[in-house]
C-alpha atoms as a PDB file:
ATOM      1  CA  MET A   1     -34.114  49.553   9.990  1.00  0.00           C
ATOM      2  CA  VAL A   2     -33.907  47.017   7.796  1.00  0.00           C
ATOM      3  CA  THR A   3     -35.430  43.374   8.370  1.00  0.00           C
ATOM      4  CA  ALA A   4     -35.006  40.399   5.961  1.00  0.00           C
ATOM      5  CA  GLN A   5     -35.028  36.487   6.052  1.00  0.00           C
ATOM      6  CA  LEU A   6     -33.268  35.033   4.101  1.00  0.00           C
ATOM      7  CA  MET A   7     -33.479  31.109   2.984  1.00  0.00           C
ATOM      8  CA  VAL A   8     -29.932  29.541   3.363  1.00  0.00           C
ATOM      9  CA  LEU A   9     -29.880  26.320   5.032  1.00  0.00           C
ATOM     10  CA  THR A  10     -32.449  27.379   7.397  1.00  0.00           C
ATOM     11  CA  TRP A  11     -34.289  30.552   7.596  1.00  0.00           C
ATOM     12  CA  VAL A  12     -31.829  33.972   8.836  1.00  0.00           C
ATOM     13  CA  ALA A  13     -33.346  36.613  10.260  1.00  0.00           C
ATOM     14  CA  ILE A  14     -31.309  39.726   9.677  1.00  0.00           C
ATOM     15  CA  LYS A  15     -31.912  43.082  11.288  1.00  0.00           C
ATOM     16  CA  GLY A  16     -29.954  46.041  11.480  1.00  0.00           C
ATOM     17  CA  GLN A  17     -29.344  49.478   9.320  1.00  0.00           C
ATOM     18  CA  PRO A  18     -29.931  49.898   5.569  1.00  0.00           C
ATOM     19  CA  LEU A  19     -26.086  50.443   4.920  1.00  0.00           C
ATOM     20  CA  ASP A  20     -25.014  47.658   6.883  1.00  0.00           C
ATOM     21  CA  PHE A  21     -27.321  45.192   5.147  1.00  0.00           C
ATOM     22  CA  ILE A  22     -26.404  46.597   1.796  1.00  0.00           C
ATOM     23  CA  ALA A  23     -22.498  45.785   2.385  1.00  0.00           C
ATOM     24  CA  ARG A  24     -23.529  42.392   3.869  1.00  0.00           C
ATOM     25  CA  LEU A  25     -25.342  41.660   0.319  1.00  0.00           C
ATOM     26  CA  VAL A  26     -22.398  43.272  -1.490  1.00  0.00           C
ATOM     27  CA  ALA A  27     -20.106  41.081  -0.090  1.00  0.00           C
ATOM     28  CA  LEU A  28     -21.897  37.716  -1.270  1.00  0.00           C
ATOM     29  CA  THR A  29     -21.803  39.303  -4.824  1.00  0.00           C
ATOM     30  CA  LEU A  30     -19.294  37.894  -7.255  1.00  0.00           C
ATOM     31  CA  ILE A  31     -16.464  39.924  -9.371  1.00  0.00           C
ATOM     32  CA  PRO A  32     -17.121  40.241 -12.952  1.00  0.00           C
ATOM     33  CA  GLY A  33     -15.027  37.875 -15.073  1.00  0.00           C
ATOM     34  CA  VAL A  34     -14.666  35.187 -12.091  1.00  0.00           C
ATOM     35  CA  ASN A  35     -14.916  31.610 -13.717  1.00  0.00           C
ATOM     36  CA  LEU A  36     -17.726  29.700 -12.200  1.00  0.00           C
ATOM     37  CA  THR A  37     -17.185  26.476 -13.747  1.00  0.00           C
ATOM     38  CA  ARG A  38     -14.641  24.405 -11.696  1.00  0.00           C
ATOM     39  CA  PHE A  39     -13.600  21.316 -13.363  1.00  0.00           C
ATOM     40  CA  HIS A  40     -12.420  18.146 -11.886  1.00  0.00           C
ATOM     41  CA  GLY A  41     -11.152  14.489 -12.822  1.00  0.00           C
ATOM     42  CA  VAL A  42      -9.938  14.740 -16.252  1.00  0.00           C
ATOM     43  CA  PHE A  43     -11.323  18.034 -17.207  1.00  0.00           C
ATOM     44  CA  ALA A  44      -9.321  19.610 -14.487  1.00  0.00           C
ATOM     45  CA  SER A  45      -6.660  21.517 -16.104  1.00  0.00           C
ATOM     46  CA  ASN A  46      -4.033  20.040 -14.295  1.00  0.00           C
ATOM     47  CA  SER A  47      -4.958  16.528 -14.889  1.00  0.00           C
ATOM     48  CA  ARG A  48      -2.501  13.886 -15.931  1.00  0.00           C
ATOM     49  CA  HIS A  49      -5.054  12.224 -18.163  1.00  0.00           C
ATOM     50  CA  ARG A  50      -5.559  15.325 -20.034  1.00  0.00           C
ATOM     51  CA  VAL A  51      -4.112  14.619 -23.401  1.00  0.00           C
ATOM     52  CA  LEU A  52      -6.329  11.845 -24.119  1.00  0.00           C
ATOM     53  CA  VAL A  53      -9.464  13.845 -23.742  1.00  0.00           C
ATOM     54  CA  PRO A  54     -10.241  14.374 -27.303  1.00  0.00           C
ATOM     55  CA  LEU A  55     -10.063  17.816 -28.341  1.00  0.00           C
ATOM     56  CA  THR A  56     -12.866  18.097 -31.094  1.00  0.00           C
ATOM     57  CA  GLY A  57     -16.741  17.680 -30.347  1.00  0.00           C
ATOM     58  CA  THR A  58     -20.084  17.716 -31.737  1.00  0.00           C
ATOM     59  CA  GLY A  59     -21.815  19.887 -29.425  1.00  0.00           C
END
């Protein structure tokens, strides 16, 4: 039996078998290669104004 307390927005207690607990944790992990950065506004890939953003920069 595994008991864990997680802080999400409030404390959440999870009780159950070890394999069930691991299955829940695995469901939360991201697959490798997923881009975690999301752009919006003029930096979004489908923005009409993206052509106005300069391509070169110092940093």
